[in-house]
Amino acid sequence: MAENTPVDPTSTDAWKQLAGIADGFTPDLRGWFDADADRADRYTFQAADLTVDLSKGLITEEILGHLVQLAQDVDVAGRYQAMIAGEHINATEDRAVLHTALRRPKNAAGLVPPAGFIVDGQDVDADVHATLDKVYAFADKVRSGEWTGVTGKPISTVVNIGIGGSDLGPVMVYEALKPYVKPGLEVRFVSNIDPTDVYEKTAGLDPETTLFIVASKTFGTLETLTNARLAREWLWAELASAGVLDDTDAARTDAVAKHFVAVSTALDKVKAFGIDPENAFGFWDWVGGRYSVDSAIGTSVVIAIGPDNWREFLAGFHAIDEHTRTAPLEQNVPVLMGLLNVWYTNFLNAQSHAVLPYAQYLHRFPAYLQQLTMESNGKSVRWDGSPVTTDTGEVFWGEPGTNGQHAFYQLIHQGTRLVPADFIAVANPAHPLKDETGDGAGVQPGQDVHTLFMANYFAQTKALAFGKTADEVRADGVAESIVPARVFSGNRPTTSILAPALTPSVVGQLIALYEHIVFVEGTVWGIDSFDQWGVELGKQLALQVTPAVQGDSAALEAQDSSTKALIAKYLELRK
């Protein structure tokens, strides 16, 4: 059973030993590698298709031993088992946390009891797979052309309307798996309540071949429902302009029924909007938004890549779930990566963490991780309501590949802040291209461009680890006055993650890897990684402020002086 009171990590002997090591800690990656020919082998691990090299991290056997002991002291393995068993580890909402059930195969051997996986009276696996089957059947109808718009034309564009986890996950996965998208199909994503977003995403679309998916569990999310209404008005206006929509309520209702579906459990609200409740796909309270991409929230992507590829995507998640469940702590990749983040954050004073995918199709992965990591672990109270005893969370950020090298790597290499970084790459690109001309110097004719790209991936972690000494700079003939500016200190920690290719399975593996990293950190810190009360206050205040922005003088007077002045200036400029 999950404990009601979290262990205070700072009270453990492991924490005290780590604090002692950190006091005056001077890393020496050059020396460590020189003294240990097996370091790379010993700190490289396999999790499904992911090869994960931790050897360029700031760890020794002593440090790693204490980190693993810390995981034992706070019972990471026990809490993980409690999570996948359906215990209510989301304390503030009194809910189970079962995103792992979204990707568990039917009748998974050793995981599903013969009588079914019953949580709070719900047969979880039966419900998950019933919903998946419904989503798959709908996706097949759209992909085959059986589902048509109001004029009988097949769908060519799907527009997903959601925000937060209902947007960041699907758009990231869609971008990551672009090579698997059915030719002739396109998915667009609307999230921001800025009217520019819905305007731009509907620009140029044919209303007769456009399908909207409104993703909102409660069908009450302000931004999503506002954008859905704007999209509905756009559909009616564009169909009328094309001369294919009569000016009757019945015709408009029929158009919505053919061009809108929902991901929601609020069937009454779905129906009131005009969507046939039969075309609503549900998910459950035990799935947090940022953990929901592999639920019906991913319907737009299932349509795009097809059910078979989606099944492979889910299998990738499950492979990492099983690795996390069964691998010993000292060989458990999410556990080790989570513990390393604790080491960097709590003992070496790192405040941010870069994720640097050397795969262009993963260009939205850092943005996706921002919600997953910071909404989960940006907490200052523990799951029992007591104050935290440590710093929690990191600022996650990043950009893909060499784009980042020409932007912010300067700070990572030579800045005063410690920025641990994860480098992610694939061996086989989706589009292997050759530079047939070359430049006559470093790039030879016929050069495989992916090898140039990967050379940067390997070189960056090497440079960050080992740097360049003043004597090495002088040996290059650099003027003495410039030498200090050309020195690289090294000892900048990185983790290298390498996969065979960016397949649906590998994308699922990467997402699950970071989900469980978040879990490990949250368990060490004793926080509830599955609620998100911090997003509520601003939303509540926005509703209170709206009348003032609309010109209500009494509401304006009720604001603080700064907000009142800003709104007054806005109203002046809006005129």
Protein backbone atom coordinates (compact mmCIF):
# COMPACT_ATOMS: atom_id res chain seq x y z
CA MET A 1 0.00 0.00 0.00
CA ALA A 2 1.11 3.58 -0.67
CA GLU A 3 2.13 5.37 2.49
CA ASN A 4 -0.02 8.34 3.57
CA THR A 5 3.02 10.21 4.85
CA PRO A 6 5.96 10.54 2.48
CA VAL A 7 9.46 9.79 3.68
CA ASP A 8 11.45 12.96 4.22
CA PRO A 9 14.41 12.31 1.90
CA THR A 10 16.65 14.65 3.87
CA SER A 11 16.26 12.41 6.92
CA THR A 12 17.79 9.40 5.18
CA ASP A 13 21.40 8.35 5.53
CA ALA A 14 21.70 8.26 1.73
CA TRP A 15 20.78 11.95 1.50
CA LYS A 16 23.27 12.86 4.18
CA GLN A 17 26.01 10.91 2.42
CA LEU A 18 25.23 12.64 -0.86
CA ALA A 19 25.27 16.04 0.85
CA GLY A 20 28.70 15.23 2.24
CA ILE A 21 30.00 14.31 -1.21
CA ALA A 22 28.49 17.43 -2.76
CA ASP A 23 30.27 19.65 -0.25
CA GLY A 24 33.34 20.67 -2.17
CA PHE A 25 32.55 18.26 -5.02
CA THR A 26 34.97 18.64 -7.94
CA PRO A 27 34.00 16.50 -10.92
CA ASP A 28 36.74 15.21 -13.21
CA LEU A 29 35.30 13.45 -16.23
CA ARG A 30 38.68 13.42 -17.98
CA GLY A 31 40.32 11.77 -15.02
CA TRP A 32 37.45 9.37 -14.44
CA PHE A 33 37.52 8.14 -18.03
CA ASP A 34 41.33 7.92 -18.06
CA ALA A 35 41.33 5.83 -14.88
CA ASP A 36 38.43 3.56 -15.87
CA ALA A 37 38.43 1.93 -19.30
CA ASP A 38 35.06 0.35 -18.55
CA ARG A 39 33.24 3.51 -17.47
CA ALA A 40 31.22 3.87 -20.68
CA ASP A 41 30.18 0.21 -20.67
CA ARG A 42 29.29 0.23 -16.99
CA TYR A 43 27.09 3.32 -17.26
CA THR A 44 25.36 2.45 -20.54
CA PHE A 45 21.98 0.76 -20.25
CA GLN A 46 19.31 -0.66 -22.53
CA ALA A 47 15.59 0.01 -22.12
CA ALA A 48 13.61 -1.54 -24.98
CA ASP A 49 15.06 0.09 -28.13
CA LEU A 50 16.72 2.94 -26.24
CA THR A 51 20.45 2.84 -25.58
CA VAL A 52 21.10 5.26 -22.72
CA ASP A 53 24.65 6.38 -21.91
CA LEU A 54 25.00 8.01 -18.49
CA SER A 55 28.81 7.85 -18.45
CA LYS A 56 29.21 11.56 -19.19
CA GLY A 57 27.15 12.39 -16.14
CA LEU A 58 28.68 13.66 -12.92
CA ILE A 59 28.53 10.32 -11.15
CA THR A 60 30.84 7.84 -9.52
CA GLU A 61 30.13 4.40 -8.15
CA GLU A 62 29.87 5.94 -4.68
CA ILE A 63 27.38 8.58 -5.80
CA LEU A 64 25.31 6.08 -7.77
CA GLY A 65 25.25 3.70 -4.82
CA HIS A 66 23.87 6.37 -2.51
CA LEU A 67 21.29 7.46 -5.13
CA VAL A 68 20.05 3.90 -5.49
CA GLN A 69 19.89 3.63 -1.71
CA LEU A 70 17.86 6.84 -1.65
CA ALA A 71 15.40 5.27 -4.09
CA GLN A 72 15.11 2.30 -1.75
CA ASP A 73 14.68 4.54 1.30
CA VAL A 74 11.74 6.40 -0.23
CA ASP A 75 10.40 3.15 -1.77
CA VAL A 76 10.31 4.14 -5.44
CA ALA A 77 9.58 0.54 -6.46
CA GLY A 78 6.76 0.16 -3.95
CA ARG A 79 5.10 3.41 -4.97
CA TYR A 80 5.38 2.47 -8.64
CA GLN A 81 3.68 -0.84 -7.88
CA ALA A 82 0.98 1.03 -5.95
CA MET A 83 0.44 3.30 -8.96
CA ILE A 84 0.04 0.53 -11.53
CA ALA A 85 -2.17 -1.42 -9.11
CA GLY A 86 -4.67 1.45 -9.01
CA GLU A 87 -4.11 2.78 -5.50
CA HIS A 88 -5.12 6.41 -5.01
CA ILE A 89 -1.66 7.93 -5.08
CA ASN A 90 -3.11 11.20 -6.40
CA ALA A 91 -3.83 12.30 -2.86
CA THR A 92 -5.32 15.76 -3.33
CA GLU A 93 -7.92 14.47 -5.80
CA ASP A 94 -8.27 11.04 -4.17
CA ARG A 95 -7.74 9.29 -7.49
CA ALA A 96 -5.89 6.37 -8.96
CA VAL A 97 -3.14 7.16 -11.48
CA LEU A 98 -3.42 4.67 -14.33
CA HIS A 99 -1.93 6.08 -17.52
CA THR A 100 0.04 2.82 -17.71
CA ALA A 101 -3.29 1.00 -18.19
CA LEU A 102 -3.91 2.95 -21.39
CA ARG A 103 -1.23 0.96 -23.20
CA ARG A 104 -1.43 -2.38 -21.48
CA PRO A 105 -2.28 -5.25 -23.89
CA LYS A 106 -5.51 -7.12 -23.44
CA ASN A 107 -5.15 -9.85 -20.82
CA ALA A 108 -1.50 -8.93 -20.21
CA ALA A 109 0.16 -12.00 -18.69
CA GLY A 110 0.89 -11.53 -15.01
CA LEU A 111 -0.61 -8.03 -14.94
CA VAL A 112 -4.35 -8.52 -15.32
CA PRO A 113 -6.17 -10.82 -12.86
CA PRO A 114 -8.45 -13.45 -14.42
CA ALA A 115 -11.45 -11.59 -13.05
CA GLY A 116 -10.30 -8.35 -14.68
CA PHE A 117 -8.46 -5.28 -13.41
CA ILE A 118 -11.11 -3.69 -11.21
CA VAL A 119 -10.40 -0.25 -9.74
CA ASP A 120 -13.11 1.65 -7.87
CA GLY A 121 -15.68 -0.72 -9.38
CA GLN A 122 -14.48 -0.13 -12.93
CA ASP A 123 -13.05 -2.88 -15.14
CA VAL A 124 -10.21 -0.69 -16.32
CA ASP A 125 -8.74 -2.87 -19.05
CA ALA A 126 -12.14 -3.73 -20.52
CA ASP A 127 -13.09 -0.05 -20.69
CA VAL A 128 -9.72 1.00 -22.13
CA HIS A 129 -9.86 -1.53 -24.92
CA ALA A 130 -13.53 -0.85 -25.67
CA THR A 131 -12.65 2.81 -26.17
CA LEU A 132 -9.59 1.94 -28.25
CA ASP A 133 -11.71 -0.29 -30.48
CA LYS A 134 -14.21 2.53 -30.93
CA VAL A 135 -11.47 4.99 -31.84
CA TYR A 136 -9.91 2.50 -34.26
CA ALA A 137 -13.23 1.87 -35.98
CA PHE A 138 -13.84 5.60 -36.38
CA ALA A 139 -10.31 6.19 -37.67
CA ASP A 140 -10.77 3.45 -40.26
CA LYS A 141 -13.99 5.09 -41.46
CA VAL A 142 -12.28 8.45 -41.92
CA ARG A 143 -9.18 6.95 -43.54
CA SER A 144 -11.19 4.80 -45.96
CA GLY A 145 -13.52 7.61 -47.01
CA GLU A 146 -16.57 5.91 -45.51
CA TRP A 147 -17.01 8.89 -43.17
CA THR A 148 -17.94 11.90 -45.24
CA GLY A 149 -18.87 15.49 -44.69
CA VAL A 150 -22.30 16.94 -45.21
CA THR A 151 -21.89 17.02 -49.01
CA GLY A 152 -20.63 13.44 -49.26
CA LYS A 153 -16.95 14.27 -49.73
CA PRO A 154 -14.30 12.34 -47.73
CA ILE A 155 -12.26 14.04 -45.03
CA SER A 156 -8.82 15.39 -45.98
CA THR A 157 -8.10 17.67 -42.99
CA VAL A 158 -8.63 17.01 -39.29
CA VAL A 159 -8.50 19.96 -36.91
CA ASN A 160 -7.87 19.04 -33.25
CA ILE A 161 -9.20 21.64 -30.82
CA GLY A 162 -7.79 21.30 -27.31
CA ILE A 163 -5.32 22.86 -24.91
CA GLY A 164 -2.63 21.64 -22.53
CA GLY A 165 -2.47 17.84 -22.58
CA SER A 166 -5.24 17.78 -25.17
CA ASP A 167 -2.95 19.64 -27.57
CA LEU A 168 0.72 19.30 -26.62
CA GLY A 169 0.70 15.50 -26.74
CA PRO A 170 -1.17 15.00 -30.03
CA VAL A 171 0.69 17.73 -31.89
CA MET A 172 4.07 16.44 -30.68
CA VAL A 173 3.30 12.86 -31.70
CA TYR A 174 1.82 13.94 -35.05
CA GLU A 175 4.96 15.91 -35.84
CA ALA A 176 7.20 13.07 -34.64
CA LEU A 177 5.44 10.52 -36.84
CA LYS A 178 4.90 12.62 -39.97
CA PRO A 179 6.43 9.89 -42.20
CA TYR A 180 3.62 7.55 -41.09
CA VAL A 181 0.75 9.93 -41.92
CA LYS A 182 -1.60 8.71 -44.65
CA PRO A 183 -0.97 10.64 -47.89
CA GLY A 184 -3.73 13.13 -48.52
CA LEU A 185 -4.51 13.56 -44.83
CA GLU A 186 -3.43 16.56 -42.76
CA VAL A 187 -3.98 17.36 -39.09
CA ARG A 188 -3.95 20.88 -37.71
CA PHE A 189 -4.07 21.86 -34.06
CA VAL A 190 -5.86 24.79 -32.42
CA SER A 191 -5.16 25.54 -28.76
CA ASN A 192 -4.61 29.22 -28.00
CA ILE A 193 -7.66 31.35 -27.24
CA ASP A 194 -5.96 34.12 -29.21
CA PRO A 195 -8.38 34.33 -32.18
CA THR A 196 -5.37 34.38 -34.48
CA ASP A 197 -4.86 30.67 -33.80
CA VAL A 198 -8.23 29.44 -34.99
CA TYR A 199 -8.16 31.94 -37.87
CA GLU A 200 -4.81 30.72 -39.16
CA LYS A 201 -5.58 27.03 -38.67
CA THR A 202 -8.81 27.25 -40.67
CA ALA A 203 -7.36 29.50 -43.39
CA GLY A 204 -7.47 27.86 -46.77
CA LEU A 205 -9.42 24.80 -45.62
CA ASP A 206 -12.30 23.29 -47.58
CA PRO A 207 -15.22 23.10 -45.16
CA GLU A 208 -16.67 20.14 -47.07
CA THR A 209 -13.59 18.00 -46.29
CA THR A 210 -12.73 19.23 -42.79
CA LEU A 211 -13.38 17.33 -39.56
CA PHE A 212 -13.06 18.98 -36.14
CA ILE A 213 -12.21 17.03 -32.98
CA VAL A 214 -13.10 18.90 -29.78
CA ALA A 215 -11.01 17.49 -26.95
CA SER A 216 -12.22 18.41 -23.47
CA LYS A 217 -13.01 15.85 -20.77
CA THR A 218 -15.67 18.05 -19.15
CA PHE A 219 -16.60 19.86 -22.36
CA GLY A 220 -16.24 23.03 -20.35
CA THR A 221 -12.64 24.18 -20.87
CA LEU A 222 -12.94 27.90 -21.66
CA GLU A 223 -10.30 28.05 -24.38
CA THR A 224 -11.35 24.81 -26.08
CA LEU A 225 -15.07 25.54 -26.11
CA THR A 226 -14.54 29.12 -27.30
CA ASN A 227 -12.42 27.85 -30.19
CA ALA A 228 -14.96 25.10 -30.91
CA ARG A 229 -17.73 27.68 -31.23
CA LEU A 230 -15.55 29.78 -33.52
CA ALA A 231 -14.85 26.70 -35.64
CA ARG A 232 -18.57 25.90 -35.78
CA GLU A 233 -19.35 29.44 -36.94
CA TRP A 234 -16.57 29.12 -39.54
CA LEU A 235 -18.03 25.86 -40.82
CA TRP A 236 -21.53 27.25 -41.15
CA ALA A 237 -20.33 30.43 -42.85
CA GLU A 238 -18.01 28.64 -45.28
CA LEU A 239 -20.58 25.99 -46.22
CA ALA A 240 -23.20 28.70 -46.77
CA SER A 241 -20.74 30.70 -48.86
CA ALA A 242 -20.13 27.60 -50.99
CA GLY A 243 -23.90 27.28 -51.50
CA VAL A 244 -24.15 23.86 -49.84
CA LEU A 245 -25.84 24.78 -46.55
CA ASP A 246 -29.47 25.83 -46.25
CA ASP A 247 -30.33 28.62 -43.85
CA THR A 248 -32.14 26.35 -41.40
CA ASP A 249 -31.38 25.08 -37.91
CA ALA A 250 -31.81 21.51 -39.13
CA ALA A 251 -29.21 21.97 -41.85
CA ARG A 252 -26.76 23.55 -39.46
CA THR A 253 -27.28 20.77 -36.91
CA ASP A 254 -26.69 18.15 -39.61
CA ALA A 255 -23.49 19.91 -40.68
CA VAL A 256 -22.11 19.87 -37.13
CA ALA A 257 -22.96 16.20 -36.74
CA LYS A 258 -20.98 15.37 -39.90
CA HIS A 259 -18.01 17.64 -39.24
CA PHE A 260 -17.52 17.53 -35.46
CA VAL A 261 -16.69 14.72 -33.03
CA ALA A 262 -15.63 14.97 -29.40
CA VAL A 263 -13.19 13.49 -26.92
CA SER A 264 -15.21 13.96 -23.75
CA THR A 265 -17.26 12.20 -21.12
CA ALA A 266 -19.83 15.02 -20.76
CA LEU A 267 -22.28 13.56 -23.25
CA ASP A 268 -25.08 15.99 -22.40
CA LYS A 269 -22.88 18.97 -23.23
CA VAL A 270 -21.56 17.23 -26.33
CA LYS A 271 -25.11 16.71 -27.54
CA ALA A 272 -26.11 20.30 -26.75
CA PHE A 273 -23.22 21.50 -28.93
CA GLY A 274 -24.62 19.47 -31.83
CA ILE A 275 -22.26 16.49 -31.76
CA ASP A 276 -23.80 13.02 -31.83
CA PRO A 277 -22.89 11.40 -28.48
CA GLU A 278 -22.15 8.21 -30.45
CA ASN A 279 -19.21 10.15 -31.87
CA ALA A 280 -17.76 11.04 -28.46
CA PHE A 281 -14.74 9.13 -27.19
CA GLY A 282 -14.19 9.09 -23.44
CA PHE A 283 -11.37 8.83 -20.97
CA TRP A 284 -11.27 8.72 -17.21
CA ASP A 285 -10.48 10.68 -14.07
CA TRP A 286 -7.44 8.50 -13.44
CA VAL A 287 -5.79 9.92 -16.58
CA GLY A 288 -4.23 13.33 -16.09
CA GLY A 289 -4.27 15.56 -19.15
CA ARG A 290 -0.50 15.57 -19.57
CA TYR A 291 -0.50 11.76 -19.35
CA SER A 292 -3.35 11.29 -21.83
CA VAL A 293 -1.81 11.31 -25.31
CA ASP A 294 -2.16 7.53 -25.55
CA SER A 295 -5.87 7.73 -24.67
CA ALA A 296 -8.71 8.89 -26.92
CA ILE A 297 -7.03 12.31 -26.75
CA GLY A 298 -4.81 10.93 -29.52
CA THR A 299 -7.76 10.29 -31.87
CA SER A 300 -6.52 12.84 -34.40
CA VAL A 301 -3.17 11.03 -34.58
CA VAL A 302 -4.84 7.60 -34.83
CA ILE A 303 -6.67 8.91 -37.89
CA ALA A 304 -3.44 10.26 -39.33
CA ILE A 305 -1.15 7.22 -38.85
CA GLY A 306 -3.70 4.42 -38.64
CA PRO A 307 -4.63 1.91 -35.92
CA ASP A 308 -1.76 -0.49 -36.67
CA ASN A 309 0.87 2.19 -36.13
CA TRP A 310 -0.99 3.37 -33.02
CA ARG A 311 -0.84 -0.15 -31.59
CA GLU A 312 2.91 -0.09 -32.13
CA PHE A 313 3.03 3.30 -30.41
CA LEU A 314 1.23 1.87 -27.38
CA ALA A 315 3.53 -1.16 -27.36
CA GLY A 316 6.49 1.20 -27.03
CA PHE A 317 4.98 2.75 -23.91
CA HIS A 318 4.29 -0.67 -22.45
CA ALA A 319 7.86 -1.85 -23.06
CA ILE A 320 9.20 0.98 -20.91
CA ASP A 321 6.46 0.44 -18.31
CA GLU A 322 7.61 -3.16 -18.00
CA HIS A 323 11.29 -2.18 -17.88
CA THR A 324 10.46 0.22 -15.04
CA ARG A 325 8.44 -2.43 -13.21
CA THR A 326 10.95 -5.28 -13.52
CA ALA A 327 14.51 -3.92 -13.88
CA PRO A 328 16.61 -3.72 -10.70
CA LEU A 329 16.98 -0.15 -9.47
CA GLU A 330 20.68 -0.06 -10.34
CA GLN A 331 19.85 -0.97 -13.97
CA ASN A 332 16.52 0.79 -14.26
CA VAL A 333 16.86 3.60 -16.78
CA PRO A 334 13.97 5.89 -15.70
CA VAL A 335 14.98 5.39 -12.06
CA LEU A 336 18.62 6.24 -12.74
CA MET A 337 17.78 9.27 -14.87
CA GLY A 338 15.32 10.53 -12.24
CA LEU A 339 17.88 10.05 -9.49
CA LEU A 340 20.52 11.87 -11.52
CA ASN A 341 18.13 14.80 -11.87
CA VAL A 342 17.73 14.81 -8.07
CA TRP A 343 21.53 14.79 -7.69
CA TYR A 344 21.92 17.73 -10.06
CA THR A 345 18.97 19.71 -8.67
CA ASN A 346 19.28 19.16 -4.94
CA PHE A 347 23.02 18.76 -4.50
CA LEU A 348 24.71 20.55 -7.42
CA ASN A 349 22.23 23.44 -7.66
CA ALA A 350 21.14 22.91 -11.27
CA GLN A 351 17.91 24.80 -11.90
CA SER A 352 17.12 23.85 -15.47
CA HIS A 353 17.42 20.84 -17.73
CA ALA A 354 17.88 20.90 -21.50
CA VAL A 355 16.39 18.26 -23.80
CA LEU A 356 18.08 18.36 -27.19
CA PRO A 357 16.62 16.06 -29.82
CA TYR A 358 18.90 15.47 -32.79
CA ALA A 359 15.86 14.45 -34.83
CA GLN A 360 13.90 17.22 -36.53
CA TYR A 361 10.62 15.34 -36.22
CA LEU A 362 11.00 15.62 -32.42
CA HIS A 363 11.05 19.40 -32.58
CA ARG A 364 7.97 19.66 -30.34
CA PHE A 365 9.26 17.16 -27.77
CA PRO A 366 10.86 19.76 -25.45
CA ALA A 367 7.61 21.76 -25.41
CA TYR A 368 5.68 18.59 -24.60
CA LEU A 369 8.08 17.82 -21.75
CA GLN A 370 7.63 21.30 -20.30
CA GLN A 371 4.08 20.46 -19.31
CA LEU A 372 4.84 16.87 -18.34
CA THR A 373 7.70 17.80 -16.03
CA MET A 374 6.85 21.25 -14.68
CA GLU A 375 3.11 20.79 -14.22
CA SER A 376 3.84 17.51 -12.47
CA ASN A 377 6.72 18.45 -10.19
CA GLY A 378 6.37 22.19 -9.76
CA LYS A 379 5.08 21.78 -6.20
CA SER A 380 5.95 23.24 -2.80
CA VAL A 381 3.88 20.91 -0.59
CA ARG A 382 4.12 17.16 -0.20
CA TRP A 383 1.28 14.75 -0.88
CA ASP A 384 0.23 14.89 2.79
CA GLY A 385 -0.03 18.70 2.69
CA SER A 386 3.18 19.38 4.60
CA PRO A 387 5.85 21.71 3.18
CA VAL A 388 8.51 20.15 0.99
CA THR A 389 11.90 19.69 2.58
CA THR A 390 13.91 20.17 -0.63
CA ASP A 391 13.92 22.12 -3.84
CA THR A 392 11.61 20.49 -6.39
CA GLY A 393 11.30 20.55 -10.16
CA GLU A 394 13.51 21.86 -12.91
CA VAL A 395 12.86 24.21 -15.82
CA PHE A 396 12.80 21.97 -18.89
CA TRP A 397 13.61 23.50 -22.24
CA GLY A 398 15.34 22.80 -25.53
CA GLU A 399 15.41 22.95 -29.31
CA PRO A 400 16.24 20.38 -31.96
CA GLY A 401 19.71 19.55 -33.21
CA THR A 402 22.09 22.05 -34.65
CA ASN A 403 19.46 24.81 -34.33
CA GLY A 404 20.22 24.90 -30.62
CA GLN A 405 23.97 24.82 -31.23
CA HIS A 406 23.68 28.14 -33.02
CA ALA A 407 21.50 29.64 -30.32
CA PHE A 408 22.01 28.75 -26.65
CA TYR A 409 24.81 26.19 -26.47
CA GLN A 410 27.20 29.01 -25.58
CA LEU A 411 25.63 29.16 -22.13
CA ILE A 412 25.73 25.38 -21.70
CA HIS A 413 29.39 25.17 -22.68
CA GLN A 414 30.89 28.25 -21.06
CA GLY A 415 28.25 29.85 -18.85
CA THR A 416 28.30 29.96 -15.08
CA ARG A 417 25.21 27.79 -14.66
CA LEU A 418 25.16 24.01 -14.56
CA VAL A 419 22.69 22.79 -17.20
CA PRO A 420 22.36 19.01 -17.42
CA ALA A 421 21.31 18.04 -20.94
CA ASP A 422 19.73 15.00 -22.58
CA PHE A 423 20.81 14.39 -26.18
CA ILE A 424 18.39 12.23 -28.20
CA ALA A 425 19.13 10.82 -31.66
CA VAL A 426 18.22 8.02 -34.06
CA ALA A 427 20.63 6.01 -36.17
CA ASN A 428 18.42 5.78 -39.26
CA PRO A 429 16.69 8.94 -40.51
CA ALA A 430 13.31 8.89 -42.19
CA HIS A 431 14.76 10.68 -45.20
CA PRO A 432 18.41 9.73 -45.85
CA LEU A 433 19.82 12.36 -48.20
CA LYS A 434 23.25 12.88 -49.72
CA ASP A 435 25.06 16.11 -50.53
CA GLU A 436 26.12 15.15 -54.03
CA THR A 437 28.17 18.30 -54.57
CA GLY A 438 29.97 18.80 -51.28
CA ASP A 439 32.05 21.87 -50.51
CA GLY A 440 35.42 20.58 -51.61
CA ALA A 441 36.74 20.74 -48.06
CA GLY A 442 35.15 19.15 -45.00
CA VAL A 443 32.05 17.92 -46.81
CA GLN A 444 32.92 15.46 -49.54
CA PRO A 445 30.73 14.86 -52.64
CA GLY A 446 28.16 12.17 -51.93
CA GLN A 447 28.32 12.80 -48.18
CA ASP A 448 25.52 11.17 -46.17
CA VAL A 449 24.08 14.25 -44.47
CA HIS A 450 22.81 12.27 -41.49
CA THR A 451 26.41 11.36 -40.64
CA LEU A 452 27.24 15.08 -40.51
CA PHE A 453 24.27 15.61 -38.23
CA MET A 454 25.25 12.71 -35.98
CA ALA A 455 28.86 13.91 -35.85
CA ASN A 456 27.48 17.01 -34.14
CA TYR A 457 25.45 14.86 -31.73
CA PHE A 458 28.55 12.91 -30.68
CA ALA A 459 30.88 15.93 -30.67
CA GLN A 460 28.70 18.09 -28.45
CA THR A 461 28.55 15.63 -25.55
CA LYS A 462 32.29 15.03 -25.90
CA ALA A 463 33.01 18.76 -25.79
CA LEU A 464 30.70 19.29 -22.84
CA ALA A 465 32.29 16.42 -20.91
CA PHE A 466 35.98 17.01 -21.58
CA GLY A 467 36.24 20.66 -22.59
CA LYS A 468 39.48 22.21 -23.74
CA THR A 469 42.31 23.30 -21.46
CA ALA A 470 44.34 26.48 -21.71
CA ASP A 471 47.38 24.50 -22.85
CA GLU A 472 45.33 22.84 -25.59
CA VAL A 473 44.13 26.25 -26.72
CA ARG A 474 47.70 27.59 -26.77
CA ALA A 475 48.77 24.59 -28.84
CA ASP A 476 46.39 25.81 -31.53
CA GLY A 477 48.45 29.00 -31.80
CA VAL A 478 45.87 31.25 -30.15
CA ALA A 479 47.14 34.61 -28.87
CA GLU A 480 47.61 34.57 -25.09
CA SER A 481 45.15 37.41 -24.56
CA ILE A 482 42.42 35.32 -26.17
CA VAL A 483 43.22 32.04 -24.44
CA PRO A 484 40.81 32.49 -21.48
CA ALA A 485 37.89 33.09 -23.85
CA ARG A 486 38.70 29.88 -25.75
CA VAL A 487 38.93 27.59 -22.72
CA PHE A 488 36.10 25.12 -22.12
CA SER A 489 35.88 23.87 -18.56
CA GLY A 490 34.19 20.57 -19.43
CA ASN A 491 32.47 18.54 -16.69
CA ARG A 492 29.11 19.61 -18.10
CA PRO A 493 26.82 16.61 -17.57
CA THR A 494 24.93 14.97 -20.43
CA THR A 495 22.89 11.85 -21.04
CA SER A 496 22.91 10.35 -24.54
CA ILE A 497 19.84 8.47 -25.77
CA LEU A 498 20.14 6.62 -29.07
CA ALA A 499 17.42 4.65 -30.89
CA PRO A 500 17.45 2.73 -34.18
CA ALA A 501 14.84 4.97 -35.85
CA LEU A 502 11.95 7.25 -34.96
CA THR A 503 9.27 4.59 -35.19
CA PRO A 504 5.89 4.74 -33.45
CA SER A 505 7.26 2.36 -30.83
CA VAL A 506 10.32 4.50 -30.16
CA VAL A 507 8.21 7.65 -29.77
CA GLY A 508 6.07 5.80 -27.21
CA GLN A 509 9.21 4.63 -25.43
CA LEU A 510 10.57 8.17 -25.18
CA ILE A 511 7.34 9.53 -23.74
CA ALA A 512 7.06 6.73 -21.17
CA LEU A 513 10.72 7.18 -20.23
CA TYR A 514 10.14 10.79 -19.20
CA GLU A 515 6.79 10.01 -17.54
CA HIS A 516 8.59 7.63 -15.21
CA ILE A 517 11.54 10.00 -14.68
CA VAL A 518 8.96 12.51 -13.42
CA PHE A 519 7.45 9.81 -11.19
CA VAL A 520 10.83 8.93 -9.64
CA GLU A 521 11.67 12.55 -8.85
CA GLY A 522 8.22 13.18 -7.38
CA THR A 523 8.53 10.11 -5.18
CA VAL A 524 11.91 11.22 -3.84
CA TRP A 525 10.57 14.69 -3.10
CA GLY A 526 7.35 13.31 -1.58
CA ILE A 527 5.08 15.33 -3.84
CA ASP A 528 1.91 14.49 -5.75
CA SER A 529 3.07 14.57 -9.37
CA PHE A 530 -0.46 14.03 -10.66
CA ASP A 531 -2.46 17.09 -9.62
CA GLN A 532 -2.08 20.61 -11.01
CA TRP A 533 -3.79 23.09 -8.72
CA GLY A 534 -1.31 25.75 -9.75
CA VAL A 535 -3.15 26.32 -13.03
CA GLU A 536 -6.47 27.09 -11.33
CA LEU A 537 -6.03 30.50 -9.73
CA GLY A 538 -5.19 32.34 -12.93
CA LYS A 539 -8.16 30.76 -14.68
CA GLN A 540 -10.50 31.80 -11.87
CA LEU A 541 -9.19 35.35 -11.83
CA ALA A 542 -9.51 35.59 -15.62
CA LEU A 543 -13.25 35.04 -15.28
CA GLN A 544 -13.41 37.77 -12.64
CA VAL A 545 -11.35 40.17 -14.74
CA THR A 546 -13.28 39.59 -17.98
CA PRO A 547 -16.10 42.08 -17.19
CA ALA A 548 -13.52 44.79 -16.56
CA VAL A 549 -11.86 44.07 -19.90
CA GLN A 550 -15.29 44.27 -21.53
CA GLY A 551 -15.80 47.77 -20.16
CA ASP A 552 -17.65 47.22 -16.88
CA SER A 553 -16.54 50.26 -14.84
CA ALA A 554 -17.44 48.75 -11.46
CA ALA A 555 -15.44 45.61 -12.25
CA LEU A 556 -12.55 47.79 -13.38
CA GLU A 557 -12.57 49.75 -10.13
CA ALA A 558 -12.40 46.49 -8.17
CA GLN A 559 -8.97 45.64 -9.62
CA ASP A 560 -5.60 46.40 -8.05
CA SER A 561 -3.95 49.59 -9.27
CA SER A 562 -1.56 47.88 -11.69
CA THR A 563 -4.19 45.66 -13.30
CA LYS A 564 -6.64 48.57 -13.44
CA ALA A 565 -4.11 50.79 -15.20
CA LEU A 566 -3.18 48.09 -17.69
CA ILE A 567 -6.81 47.38 -18.54
CA ALA A 568 -7.52 51.08 -18.89
CA LYS A 569 -4.61 51.42 -21.30
CA TYR A 570 -5.82 48.39 -23.25
CA LEU A 571 -9.32 49.89 -23.55
CA GLU A 572 -7.80 53.16 -24.71
CA LEU A 573 -5.70 51.44 -27.36
CA ARG A 574 -8.55 49.17 -28.46
CA LYS A 575 -10.60 52.19 -29.46
